Structure formats: C-alpha cells, structure tokens
Amino acid sequence: MTIDGLPWHWRLRTRSLELAHPGGSLRRPLVMGIVNATPDSFSDGGRHAGVEAAVEHGLKLVAAGADLLDVGGESTRPFSEPVDEAEELRRVAEVVRRLAVESGVPVSIDTSKASVAERAIDLGAEIINDVTGLEGDPRMLAVATATGAGVCVMHMQGTPRTMQLEPRYGDVVTEIHAYLAARRDALIAAGVPLERLCLDPGIGFGKTHEHNLDLMRHAGRFLDLGTPILVGHSRKGFLAKEVERSLGRPATEADRDAATTGAACSLAAAGIQVVRVHAVGLVRTALDLFTATQ
C-alpha cells in the first residue's frame, strides 16, 4: 500500500514491516543489523564466524535495537572470491534457523544463490537480499515467487571480483535509478508483487568514492520508485576516506561507525526507509533522537 507514492509497509513471507512515513506512527528508518557468518568480511574479519558466535551477535544486535537481521555466508567485499553452495549453506543454515526462532525479528538471507535462499526460507528466513538483483542465478526469481518472501534488489556494476576495477557512469544517480526501475518492473511482470519489493542503490558495489557520495546526497531521488529503499553504507571505504580527509589520519573502526551514524541521520532526513548497519546500537540511538527532534 502506498500513499502519496510512498509505501507504508514492506510485506514479507509471513508478516509485514511498518515503514517510516510522514503520515505514519514510525518516523525513523528501520535498522537492519548485519550478521556476517563469514571468515573474510571486509568489516569484522571473521569475528562472528561459527554458529554460536553469529547467533550471539545477532541477538545482541536485536537487544541493541535492530528491527531485522541480515545473515550472510559469502563475502561480497571488493575482489572477494566466491564460495560454493555447500560451504555457504554450512555457514548460514543453523544461524538462520536459530535467529528466526530466538530473535523475534524478521531474518533476511544475504545470498545470490537460489538453493541457499530456498533453504534459508525453509528454515524461517523472511527476506531474500540479493546483491545481483536476482540476475545472478536463473532459479532465484522462481524461488522468490514460489516462497512469497520479501525481496531486496540491489544494483552492482560487475561482480565482487571486478566491481572496483574502474567503475564508470555518465550520471550515476540517473543510471542506477533507471536500473532499479527496470528490475522492479521485470519482477512485478514475473509475479513478485510490488509490496514485497525493496530496492537498494548498492553503495560501494561498483562505485568510486565520488559515485558513493553522489548516491548518498541524492538518496531521496529513489523514493519515487514506490518501494522501500534500503541503503547499506555501513563502514564502507568512502566513509573512511571522508574521515581521513577531515581528521588527517587513518580512520579507525570507531571512526567508521561514527561516520556511518552521521550518514544514517542524513538518510533519515531524505526519507530512506531501511539502513543496513553493523553498529546497531549507535545508529538506532542517533536515529531515535534525530527523529524525535524533527
């Protein structure tokens, strides 16, 4: 359901999430907490690899204010190597099952493999979050339509192995807006209802520093697509570069989290409905105060 072109809810497999809307009761973006069940994440470097560590981390994120959790078993950092289906499932299956039961919030599976998405949904996942925009695996669209899961469609230029090798755009905001509109229309035509879709411009995925800044500055342009807009800017390299430019020293993880939080408030002001972050407590507290004072 949309009013004035903005969606009020994101319909998932078994439930709906209320979204920030000028006429609604929720005034801040939803906070998606990141659970990297990988040994080679760009951000947390395997800190939460292993079922117990990943589940414990996910539950801590919920306690800190996460509205939903995104579980991934394959790193998509620049120049990362893919992992096979069996290994990805080994990393995420039990994590998804436990968090779906224990967390009390919807669980998203961050994967581009249809078999992994299908299994995760069987185990309780509500959302498929696919960095390839459901174009990387020919079976993914069928899984999305058959399961009724919520779907997050992201833009990426190239693949994780190639995306940072001289990415180029004429007008990055206009071109990504057009891509997301085309994917939205193709998925609706294929049987995925509009109310199940979420779109993501793909900060850091085949974009230069300036491309990322342009997308952040003009994030509100994507709101006319009629779906929730998710932005995953957390701890990314362009934030570190801005910190280094400002402070004249290398950025620490704490600096990246502070920059992530400031950018999240900017996204809230632009009307973005979902932010995907690592430091959930910091971001949630800032968003609550930011929206309370608007």
C-alpha atoms as a PDB file:
ATOM      1  CA  MET A   1       0.000   0.000   0.000  1.00  0.00           C
ATOM      2  CA  THR A   2       1.310   3.414  -0.952  1.00  0.00           C
ATOM      3  CA  ILE A   3       0.047   6.862  -0.039  1.00  0.00           C
ATOM      4  CA  ASP A   4       1.404   9.859  -1.944  1.00  0.00           C
ATOM      5  CA  GLY A   5       3.618   7.356  -3.742  1.00  0.00           C
ATOM      6  CA  LEU A   6       5.405   6.220  -0.555  1.00  0.00           C
ATOM      7  CA  PRO A   7       4.939   2.700   0.821  1.00  0.00           C
ATOM      8  CA  TRP A   8       3.686   2.268   4.377  1.00  0.00           C
ATOM      9  CA  HIS A   9       4.588  -1.396   4.748  1.00  0.00           C
ATOM     10  CA  TRP A  10       7.008  -3.960   3.346  1.00  0.00           C
ATOM     11  CA  ARG A  11       5.252  -7.315   3.053  1.00  0.00           C
ATOM     12  CA  LEU A  12       7.464 -10.295   3.871  1.00  0.00           C
ATOM     13  CA  ARG A  13       6.837 -14.029   3.748  1.00  0.00           C
ATOM     14  CA  THR A  14       4.646 -14.236   6.882  1.00  0.00           C
ATOM     15  CA  ARG A  15       4.451 -10.667   8.194  1.00  0.00           C
ATOM     16  CA  SER A  16       4.710  -7.011   7.268  1.00  0.00           C
ATOM     17  CA  LEU A  17       7.099  -4.329   8.469  1.00  0.00           C
ATOM     18  CA  GLU A  18       5.827  -0.814   9.081  1.00  0.00           C
ATOM     19  CA  LEU A  19       7.942   1.782   7.297  1.00  0.00           C
ATOM     20  CA  ALA A  20       8.798   5.371   8.122  1.00  0.00           C
ATOM     21  CA  HIS A  21       6.203   7.625   6.531  1.00  0.00           C
ATOM     22  CA  PRO A  22       5.211  11.256   7.107  1.00  0.00           C
ATOM     23  CA  GLY A  23       1.658  10.157   7.901  1.00  0.00           C
ATOM     24  CA  GLY A  24       2.513   7.092   9.959  1.00  0.00           C
ATOM     25  CA  SER A  25       3.498   6.282  13.516  1.00  0.00           C
ATOM     26  CA  LEU A  26       7.082   5.262  12.638  1.00  0.00           C
ATOM     27  CA  ARG A  27       9.289   8.267  11.922  1.00  0.00           C
ATOM     28  CA  ARG A  28      12.748   6.706  11.603  1.00  0.00           C
ATOM     29  CA  PRO A  29      14.261   4.226   9.143  1.00  0.00           C
ATOM     30  CA  LEU A  30      14.189   0.563  10.055  1.00  0.00           C
ATOM     31  CA  VAL A  31      17.593  -0.656  11.242  1.00  0.00           C
ATOM     32  CA  MET A  32      18.827  -3.873   9.616  1.00  0.00           C
ATOM     33  CA  GLY A  33      21.611  -5.470  11.654  1.00  0.00           C
ATOM     34  CA  ILE A  34      24.409  -7.244   9.797  1.00  0.00           C
ATOM     35  CA  VAL A  35      25.357 -10.798  10.798  1.00  0.00           C
ATOM     36  CA  ASN A  36      28.430 -11.852   8.800  1.00  0.00           C
ATOM     37  CA  ALA A  37      28.804 -15.615   9.208  1.00  0.00           C
ATOM     38  CA  THR A  38      31.989 -15.466   7.138  1.00  0.00           C
ATOM     39  CA  PRO A  39      35.727 -15.709   7.861  1.00  0.00           C
ATOM     40  CA  ASP A  40      36.630 -12.899   5.444  1.00  0.00           C
ATOM     41  CA  SER A  41      34.223  -9.987   5.832  1.00  0.00           C
ATOM     42  CA  PHE A  42      35.755  -6.599   4.969  1.00  0.00           C
ATOM     43  CA  SER A  43      34.430  -5.190   8.247  1.00  0.00           C
ATOM     44  CA  ASP A  44      34.565  -7.731  11.046  1.00  0.00           C
ATOM     45  CA  GLY A  45      37.103 -10.168   9.633  1.00  0.00           C
ATOM     46  CA  GLY A  46      35.512 -13.423  10.788  1.00  0.00           C
ATOM     47  CA  ARG A  47      34.769 -12.112  14.275  1.00  0.00           C
ATOM     48  CA  HIS A  48      31.340 -13.751  14.166  1.00  0.00           C
ATOM     49  CA  ALA A  49      32.136 -16.832  12.068  1.00  0.00           C
ATOM     50  CA  GLY A  50      30.737 -20.034  13.576  1.00  0.00           C
ATOM     51  CA  VAL A  51      27.162 -20.720  14.575  1.00  0.00           C
ATOM     52  CA  GLU A  52      27.340 -19.782  18.243  1.00  0.00           C
ATOM     53  CA  ALA A  53      29.257 -16.547  17.642  1.00  0.00           C
ATOM     54  CA  ALA A  54      26.938 -15.496  14.818  1.00  0.00           C
ATOM     55  CA  VAL A  55      23.755 -16.251  16.768  1.00  0.00           C
ATOM     56  CA  GLU A  56      25.069 -14.482  19.870  1.00  0.00           C
ATOM     57  CA  HIS A  57      25.968 -11.470  17.754  1.00  0.00           C
ATOM     58  CA  GLY A  58      22.552 -11.415  16.103  1.00  0.00           C
ATOM     59  CA  LEU A  59      20.778 -11.497  19.444  1.00  0.00           C
ATOM     60  CA  LYS A  60      22.953  -8.661  20.726  1.00  0.00           C
ATOM     61  CA  LEU A  61      22.020  -6.597  17.679  1.00  0.00           C
ATOM     62  CA  VAL A  62      18.328  -7.140  18.399  1.00  0.00           C
ATOM     63  CA  ALA A  63      18.849  -6.152  22.026  1.00  0.00           C
ATOM     64  CA  ALA A  64      20.558  -3.000  20.738  1.00  0.00           C
ATOM     65  CA  GLY A  65      17.541  -2.099  18.612  1.00  0.00           C
ATOM     66  CA  ALA A  66      17.732  -3.946  15.278  1.00  0.00           C
ATOM     67  CA  ASP A  67      14.351  -4.225  13.562  1.00  0.00           C
ATOM     68  CA  LEU A  68      15.539  -7.077  11.329  1.00  0.00           C
ATOM     69  CA  LEU A  69      18.702  -9.108  10.764  1.00  0.00           C
ATOM     70  CA  ASP A  70      20.604  -9.853   7.537  1.00  0.00           C
ATOM     71  CA  VAL A  71      22.619 -13.102   7.618  1.00  0.00           C
ATOM     72  CA  GLY A  72      25.313 -13.677   5.006  1.00  0.00           C
ATOM     73  CA  GLY A  73      27.702 -16.556   4.399  1.00  0.00           C
ATOM     74  CA  GLU A  74      29.696 -15.256   1.430  1.00  0.00           C
ATOM     75  CA  SER A  75      31.780 -12.099   1.481  1.00  0.00           C
ATOM     76  CA  THR A  76      30.954  -9.548  -1.216  1.00  0.00           C
ATOM     77  CA  ARG A  77      33.832  -7.211  -0.407  1.00  0.00           C
ATOM     78  CA  PRO A  78      35.823  -5.922  -3.399  1.00  0.00           C
ATOM     79  CA  PHE A  79      37.974  -8.627  -5.031  1.00  0.00           C
ATOM     80  CA  SER A  80      36.480 -11.386  -2.864  1.00  0.00           C
ATOM     81  CA  GLU A  81      36.413 -14.973  -4.109  1.00  0.00           C
ATOM     82  CA  PRO A  82      33.080 -16.802  -4.349  1.00  0.00           C
ATOM     83  CA  VAL A  83      32.310 -19.822  -2.159  1.00  0.00           C
ATOM     84  CA  ASP A  84      30.393 -22.894  -3.244  1.00  0.00           C
ATOM     85  CA  GLU A  85      26.809 -23.654  -2.284  1.00  0.00           C
ATOM     86  CA  ALA A  86      27.663 -26.344   0.268  1.00  0.00           C
ATOM     87  CA  GLU A  87      30.069 -24.095   2.170  1.00  0.00           C
ATOM     88  CA  GLU A  88      27.688 -21.146   2.161  1.00  0.00           C
ATOM     89  CA  LEU A  89      24.879 -23.334   3.485  1.00  0.00           C
ATOM     90  CA  ARG A  90      27.177 -24.756   6.149  1.00  0.00           C
ATOM     91  CA  ARG A  91      27.879 -21.240   7.371  1.00  0.00           C
ATOM     92  CA  VAL A  92      24.342 -19.859   7.409  1.00  0.00           C
ATOM     93  CA  ALA A  93      21.726 -22.617   7.739  1.00  0.00           C
ATOM     94  CA  GLU A  94      21.790 -23.122  11.500  1.00  0.00           C
ATOM     95  CA  VAL A  95      22.358 -19.398  12.117  1.00  0.00           C
ATOM     96  CA  VAL A  96      19.202 -18.554  10.166  1.00  0.00           C
ATOM     97  CA  ARG A  97      17.186 -21.304  11.876  1.00  0.00           C
ATOM     98  CA  ARG A  98      18.171 -20.196  15.360  1.00  0.00           C
ATOM     99  CA  LEU A  99      17.784 -16.474  14.783  1.00  0.00           C
ATOM    100  CA  ALA A 100      14.389 -16.994  13.141  1.00  0.00           C
ATOM    101  CA  VAL A 101      13.249 -18.733  16.329  1.00  0.00           C
ATOM    102  CA  GLU A 102      15.145 -16.794  19.001  1.00  0.00           C
ATOM    103  CA  SER A 103      15.445 -13.203  17.799  1.00  0.00           C
ATOM    104  CA  GLY A 104      11.812 -12.179  17.466  1.00  0.00           C
ATOM    105  CA  VAL A 105      12.584 -10.081  14.357  1.00  0.00           C
ATOM    106  CA  PRO A 106      12.487 -10.970  10.646  1.00  0.00           C
ATOM    107  CA  VAL A 107      15.613 -12.628   9.266  1.00  0.00           C
ATOM    108  CA  SER A 108      16.965 -11.872   5.794  1.00  0.00           C
ATOM    109  CA  ILE A 109      19.294 -14.175   3.870  1.00  0.00           C
ATOM    110  CA  ASP A 110      22.027 -12.283   2.027  1.00  0.00           C
ATOM    111  CA  THR A 111      22.779 -14.559  -0.922  1.00  0.00           C
ATOM    112  CA  SER A 112      22.819 -14.701  -4.708  1.00  0.00           C
ATOM    113  CA  LYS A 113      22.340 -18.493  -4.804  1.00  0.00           C
ATOM    114  CA  ALA A 114      18.781 -19.767  -5.251  1.00  0.00           C
ATOM    115  CA  SER A 115      19.435 -23.002  -3.370  1.00  0.00           C
ATOM    116  CA  VAL A 116      20.783 -21.114  -0.352  1.00  0.00           C
ATOM    117  CA  ALA A 117      17.821 -18.728  -0.388  1.00  0.00           C
ATOM    118  CA  GLU A 118      15.360 -21.621  -0.681  1.00  0.00           C
ATOM    119  CA  ARG A 119      16.889 -23.499   2.241  1.00  0.00           C
ATOM    120  CA  ALA A 120      17.086 -20.371   4.387  1.00  0.00           C
ATOM    121  CA  ILE A 121      13.407 -19.662   3.776  1.00  0.00           C
ATOM    122  CA  ASP A 122      12.570 -23.252   4.725  1.00  0.00           C
ATOM    123  CA  LEU A 123      14.413 -22.546   7.987  1.00  0.00           C
ATOM    124  CA  GLY A 124      12.481 -19.357   8.711  1.00  0.00           C
ATOM    125  CA  ALA A 125      14.009 -16.518   6.697  1.00  0.00           C
ATOM    126  CA  GLU A 126      11.525 -13.856   5.582  1.00  0.00           C
ATOM    127  CA  ILE A 127      13.599 -11.907   3.028  1.00  0.00           C
ATOM    128  CA  ILE A 128      15.951 -12.633   0.119  1.00  0.00           C
ATOM    129  CA  ASN A 129      18.643  -9.937  -0.121  1.00  0.00           C
ATOM    130  CA  ASP A 130      20.431 -10.460  -3.448  1.00  0.00           C
ATOM    131  CA  VAL A 131      23.352  -8.228  -4.469  1.00  0.00           C
ATOM    132  CA  THR A 132      22.905  -9.342  -8.097  1.00  0.00           C
ATOM    133  CA  GLY A 133      19.352  -8.018  -8.304  1.00  0.00           C
ATOM    134  CA  LEU A 134      18.025 -11.580  -8.806  1.00  0.00           C
ATOM    135  CA  GLU A 135      20.056 -11.810 -12.017  1.00  0.00           C
ATOM    136  CA  GLY A 136      22.964 -13.950 -10.803  1.00  0.00           C
ATOM    137  CA  ASP A 137      21.143 -17.293 -10.557  1.00  0.00           C
ATOM    138  CA  PRO A 138      18.455 -18.207 -13.102  1.00  0.00           C
ATOM    139  CA  ARG A 139      16.445 -20.020 -10.399  1.00  0.00           C
ATOM    140  CA  MET A 140      16.315 -17.119  -7.933  1.00  0.00           C
ATOM    141  CA  LEU A 141      13.232 -15.498  -9.440  1.00  0.00           C
ATOM    142  CA  ALA A 142      11.301 -18.768  -9.199  1.00  0.00           C
ATOM    143  CA  VAL A 143      12.314 -19.121  -5.547  1.00  0.00           C
ATOM    144  CA  ALA A 144      11.198 -15.570  -4.826  1.00  0.00           C
ATOM    145  CA  THR A 145       7.801 -16.032  -6.443  1.00  0.00           C
ATOM    146  CA  ALA A 146       7.162 -19.522  -5.026  1.00  0.00           C
ATOM    147  CA  THR A 147       8.061 -18.688  -1.426  1.00  0.00           C
ATOM    148  CA  GLY A 148       6.404 -15.275  -1.142  1.00  0.00           C
ATOM    149  CA  ALA A 149       9.499 -13.889   0.563  1.00  0.00           C
ATOM    150  CA  GLY A 150      10.254 -10.210   0.738  1.00  0.00           C
ATOM    151  CA  VAL A 151      12.892  -9.360  -1.862  1.00  0.00           C
ATOM    152  CA  CYS A 152      15.675  -6.777  -1.747  1.00  0.00           C
ATOM    153  CA  VAL A 153      17.093  -5.981  -5.195  1.00  0.00           C
ATOM    154  CA  MET A 154      20.483  -4.257  -5.306  1.00  0.00           C
ATOM    155  CA  HIS A 155      22.436  -2.562  -8.074  1.00  0.00           C
ATOM    156  CA  MET A 156      26.003  -3.706  -8.694  1.00  0.00           C
ATOM    157  CA  GLN A 157      28.257  -2.893 -11.630  1.00  0.00           C
ATOM    158  CA  GLY A 158      30.204  -6.084 -12.370  1.00  0.00           C
ATOM    159  CA  THR A 159      30.845  -8.752  -9.726  1.00  0.00           C
ATOM    160  CA  PRO A 160      32.560  -8.526  -6.330  1.00  0.00           C
ATOM    161  CA  ARG A 161      35.772  -9.662  -8.041  1.00  0.00           C
ATOM    162  CA  THR A 162      35.610  -6.955 -10.714  1.00  0.00           C
ATOM    163  CA  MET A 163      33.316  -4.182  -9.468  1.00  0.00           C
ATOM    164  CA  GLN A 164      36.037  -1.785  -8.299  1.00  0.00           C
ATOM    165  CA  LEU A 165      38.087  -2.006 -11.494  1.00  0.00           C
ATOM    166  CA  GLU A 166      37.389   1.464 -12.887  1.00  0.00           C
ATOM    167  CA  PRO A 167      33.601   1.705 -12.462  1.00  0.00           C
ATOM    168  CA  ARG A 168      32.147   4.288 -14.837  1.00  0.00           C
ATOM    169  CA  TYR A 169      28.817   6.098 -15.212  1.00  0.00           C
ATOM    170  CA  GLY A 170      27.606   9.071 -17.186  1.00  0.00           C
ATOM    171  CA  ASP A 171      25.217  10.072 -14.393  1.00  0.00           C
ATOM    172  CA  VAL A 172      25.417   7.592 -11.529  1.00  0.00           C
ATOM    173  CA  VAL A 173      22.132   8.547  -9.845  1.00  0.00           C
ATOM    174  CA  THR A 174      20.082   8.596 -13.058  1.00  0.00           C
ATOM    175  CA  GLU A 175      21.555   5.324 -14.362  1.00  0.00           C
ATOM    176  CA  ILE A 176      21.038   3.415 -11.125  1.00  0.00           C
ATOM    177  CA  HIS A 177      17.516   4.809 -10.760  1.00  0.00           C
ATOM    178  CA  ALA A 178      16.750   3.534 -14.276  1.00  0.00           C
ATOM    179  CA  TYR A 179      18.229   0.105 -13.494  1.00  0.00           C
ATOM    180  CA  LEU A 180      16.205  -0.275 -10.306  1.00  0.00           C
ATOM    181  CA  ALA A 181      13.021   0.844 -12.064  1.00  0.00           C
ATOM    182  CA  ALA A 182      13.610  -1.725 -14.791  1.00  0.00           C
ATOM    183  CA  ARG A 183      14.263  -4.506 -12.280  1.00  0.00           C
ATOM    184  CA  ARG A 184      11.151  -3.515 -10.315  1.00  0.00           C
ATOM    185  CA  ASP A 185       9.021  -3.717 -13.448  1.00  0.00           C
ATOM    186  CA  ALA A 186      10.561  -7.014 -14.574  1.00  0.00           C
ATOM    187  CA  LEU A 187       9.981  -8.645 -11.198  1.00  0.00           C
ATOM    188  CA  ILE A 188       6.394  -7.420 -10.998  1.00  0.00           C
ATOM    189  CA  ALA A 189       5.780  -8.802 -14.501  1.00  0.00           C
ATOM    190  CA  ALA A 190       7.266 -12.120 -13.378  1.00  0.00           C
ATOM    191  CA  GLY A 191       4.905 -12.380 -10.406  1.00  0.00           C
ATOM    192  CA  VAL A 192       6.615 -10.653  -7.468  1.00  0.00           C
ATOM    193  CA  PRO A 193       4.102  -8.149  -6.031  1.00  0.00           C
ATOM    194  CA  LEU A 194       5.256  -4.563  -5.611  1.00  0.00           C
ATOM    195  CA  GLU A 195       4.559  -4.679  -1.874  1.00  0.00           C
ATOM    196  CA  ARG A 196       7.182  -7.433  -1.450  1.00  0.00           C
ATOM    197  CA  LEU A 197       9.957  -5.462  -3.145  1.00  0.00           C
ATOM    198  CA  CYS A 198      12.720  -3.321  -1.647  1.00  0.00           C
ATOM    199  CA  LEU A 199      15.352  -1.581  -3.776  1.00  0.00           C
ATOM    200  CA  ASP A 200      18.974  -0.782  -2.918  1.00  0.00           C
ATOM    201  CA  PRO A 201      21.277   1.522  -4.956  1.00  0.00           C
ATOM    202  CA  GLY A 202      24.290  -0.566  -3.888  1.00  0.00           C
ATOM    203  CA  ILE A 203      26.656   1.837  -2.142  1.00  0.00           C
ATOM    204  CA  GLY A 204      30.219   0.582  -2.676  1.00  0.00           C
ATOM    205  CA  PHE A 205      29.306  -2.027  -5.273  1.00  0.00           C
ATOM    206  CA  GLY A 206      30.972  -0.870  -8.465  1.00  0.00           C
ATOM    207  CA  LYS A 207      31.173   2.802  -7.484  1.00  0.00           C
ATOM    208  CA  THR A 208      34.015   5.218  -6.890  1.00  0.00           C
ATOM    209  CA  HIS A 209      34.306   7.484  -3.868  1.00  0.00           C
ATOM    210  CA  GLU A 210      32.525  10.293  -5.702  1.00  0.00           C
ATOM    211  CA  HIS A 211      29.826   7.957  -7.029  1.00  0.00           C
ATOM    212  CA  ASN A 212      29.036   6.881  -3.479  1.00  0.00           C
ATOM    213  CA  LEU A 213      28.869  10.461  -2.252  1.00  0.00           C
ATOM    214  CA  ASP A 214      26.547  11.396  -5.132  1.00  0.00           C
ATOM    215  CA  LEU A 215      24.234   8.498  -4.294  1.00  0.00           C
ATOM    216  CA  MET A 216      24.158   9.498  -0.630  1.00  0.00           C
ATOM    217  CA  ARG A 217      23.499  13.164  -1.469  1.00  0.00           C
ATOM    218  CA  HIS A 218      20.646  12.249  -3.795  1.00  0.00           C
ATOM    219  CA  ALA A 219      19.236   9.208  -1.999  1.00  0.00           C
ATOM    220  CA  GLY A 220      15.806  10.821  -1.902  1.00  0.00           C
ATOM    221  CA  ARG A 221      15.621  10.554  -5.698  1.00  0.00           C
ATOM    222  CA  PHE A 222      14.919   6.841  -5.348  1.00  0.00           C
ATOM    223  CA  LEU A 223      11.770   7.293  -3.262  1.00  0.00           C
ATOM    224  CA  ASP A 224       9.600   7.721  -6.356  1.00  0.00           C
ATOM    225  CA  LEU A 225      10.175   4.053  -7.239  1.00  0.00           C
ATOM    226  CA  GLY A 226       7.262   3.131  -4.948  1.00  0.00           C
ATOM    227  CA  THR A 227       9.109   0.576  -2.819  1.00  0.00           C
ATOM    228  CA  PRO A 228      11.090   0.762   0.422  1.00  0.00           C
ATOM    229  CA  ILE A 229      14.633   1.983  -0.275  1.00  0.00           C
ATOM    230  CA  LEU A 230      17.462   0.288   1.620  1.00  0.00           C
ATOM    231  CA  VAL A 231      20.926   1.827   1.885  1.00  0.00           C
ATOM    232  CA  GLY A 232      23.903  -0.216   3.056  1.00  0.00           C
ATOM    233  CA  HIS A 233      26.629   2.345   3.638  1.00  0.00           C
ATOM    234  CA  SER A 234      27.986   0.978   6.910  1.00  0.00           C
ATOM    235  CA  ARG A 235      31.758   1.212   7.492  1.00  0.00           C
ATOM    236  CA  LYS A 236      32.455   1.461   3.772  1.00  0.00           C
ATOM    237  CA  GLY A 237      35.648   2.829   2.321  1.00  0.00           C
ATOM    238  CA  PHE A 238      34.215   6.136   1.134  1.00  0.00           C
ATOM    239  CA  LEU A 239      33.323   6.967   4.752  1.00  0.00           C
ATOM    240  CA  ALA A 240      36.875   6.173   5.859  1.00  0.00           C
ATOM    241  CA  LYS A 241      38.212   8.487   3.142  1.00  0.00           C
ATOM    242  CA  GLU A 242      35.978  11.299   4.340  1.00  0.00           C
ATOM    243  CA  VAL A 243      37.150  10.781   7.927  1.00  0.00           C
ATOM    244  CA  GLU A 244      40.775  10.787   6.814  1.00  0.00           C
ATOM    245  CA  ARG A 245      40.202  13.944   4.793  1.00  0.00           C
ATOM    246  CA  SER A 246      38.628  15.625   7.825  1.00  0.00           C
ATOM    247  CA  LEU A 247      40.936  14.428  10.593  1.00  0.00           C
ATOM    248  CA  GLY A 248      44.197  13.947   8.703  1.00  0.00           C
ATOM    249  CA  ARG A 249      44.783  10.412   9.987  1.00  0.00           C
ATOM    250  CA  PRO A 250      43.716   6.863   9.136  1.00  0.00           C
ATOM    251  CA  ALA A 251      40.141   6.037  10.133  1.00  0.00           C
ATOM    252  CA  THR A 252      39.570   3.551  12.937  1.00  0.00           C
ATOM    253  CA  GLU A 253      36.561   1.245  13.184  1.00  0.00           C
ATOM    254  CA  ALA A 254      35.080   3.653  15.724  1.00  0.00           C
ATOM    255  CA  ASP A 255      35.548   6.495  13.226  1.00  0.00           C
ATOM    256  CA  ARG A 256      33.777   4.472  10.546  1.00  0.00           C
ATOM    257  CA  ASP A 257      30.896   3.783  12.920  1.00  0.00           C
ATOM    258  CA  ALA A 258      30.613   7.468  13.793  1.00  0.00           C
ATOM    259  CA  ALA A 259      30.599   8.340  10.086  1.00  0.00           C
ATOM    260  CA  THR A 260      28.024   5.612   9.432  1.00  0.00           C
ATOM    261  CA  THR A 261      25.802   7.105  12.126  1.00  0.00           C
ATOM    262  CA  GLY A 262      26.024  10.631  10.769  1.00  0.00           C
ATOM    263  CA  ALA A 263      25.222   9.376   7.288  1.00  0.00           C
ATOM    264  CA  ALA A 264      22.261   7.383   8.651  1.00  0.00           C
ATOM    265  CA  CYS A 265      20.765  10.596  10.028  1.00  0.00           C
ATOM    266  CA  SER A 266      21.228  12.220   6.627  1.00  0.00           C
ATOM    267  CA  LEU A 267      19.429   9.274   5.028  1.00  0.00           C
ATOM    268  CA  ALA A 268      16.618   9.574   7.566  1.00  0.00           C
ATOM    269  CA  ALA A 269      16.218  13.228   6.651  1.00  0.00           C
ATOM    270  CA  ALA A 270      15.971  12.184   2.991  1.00  0.00           C
ATOM    271  CA  GLY A 271      13.173   9.717   3.785  1.00  0.00           C
ATOM    272  CA  ILE A 272      15.081   6.448   3.328  1.00  0.00           C
ATOM    273  CA  GLN A 273      13.159   3.595   4.974  1.00  0.00           C
ATOM    274  CA  VAL A 274      15.852   0.966   5.780  1.00  0.00           C
ATOM    275  CA  VAL A 275      19.522   1.301   6.754  1.00  0.00           C
ATOM    276  CA  ARG A 276      21.771  -1.757   6.909  1.00  0.00           C
ATOM    277  CA  VAL A 277      24.471  -1.301   9.569  1.00  0.00           C
ATOM    278  CA  HIS A 278      26.995  -3.006  11.829  1.00  0.00           C
ATOM    279  CA  ALA A 279      26.866  -0.714  14.892  1.00  0.00           C
ATOM    280  CA  VAL A 280      23.149  -1.068  15.531  1.00  0.00           C
ATOM    281  CA  GLY A 281      23.007   0.468  18.994  1.00  0.00           C
ATOM    282  CA  LEU A 282      24.865   3.613  17.991  1.00  0.00           C
ATOM    283  CA  VAL A 283      22.793   4.126  14.846  1.00  0.00           C
ATOM    284  CA  ARG A 284      19.445   3.309  16.489  1.00  0.00           C
ATOM    285  CA  THR A 285      20.051   5.740  19.368  1.00  0.00           C
ATOM    286  CA  ALA A 286      21.050   8.513  16.977  1.00  0.00           C
ATOM    287  CA  LEU A 287      18.049   7.902  14.715  1.00  0.00           C
ATOM    288  CA  ASP A 288      15.631   7.889  17.645  1.00  0.00           C
ATOM    289  CA  LEU A 289      16.944  11.233  18.876  1.00  0.00           C
ATOM    290  CA  PHE A 290      17.199  12.679  15.385  1.00  0.00           C
ATOM    291  CA  THR A 291      13.577  11.875  14.548  1.00  0.00           C
ATOM    292  CA  ALA A 292      12.331  12.960  17.980  1.00  0.00           C
ATOM    293  CA  THR A 293      13.749  16.444  17.402  1.00  0.00           C
ATOM    294  CA  GLN A 294      12.425  16.958  13.864  1.00  0.00           C
END
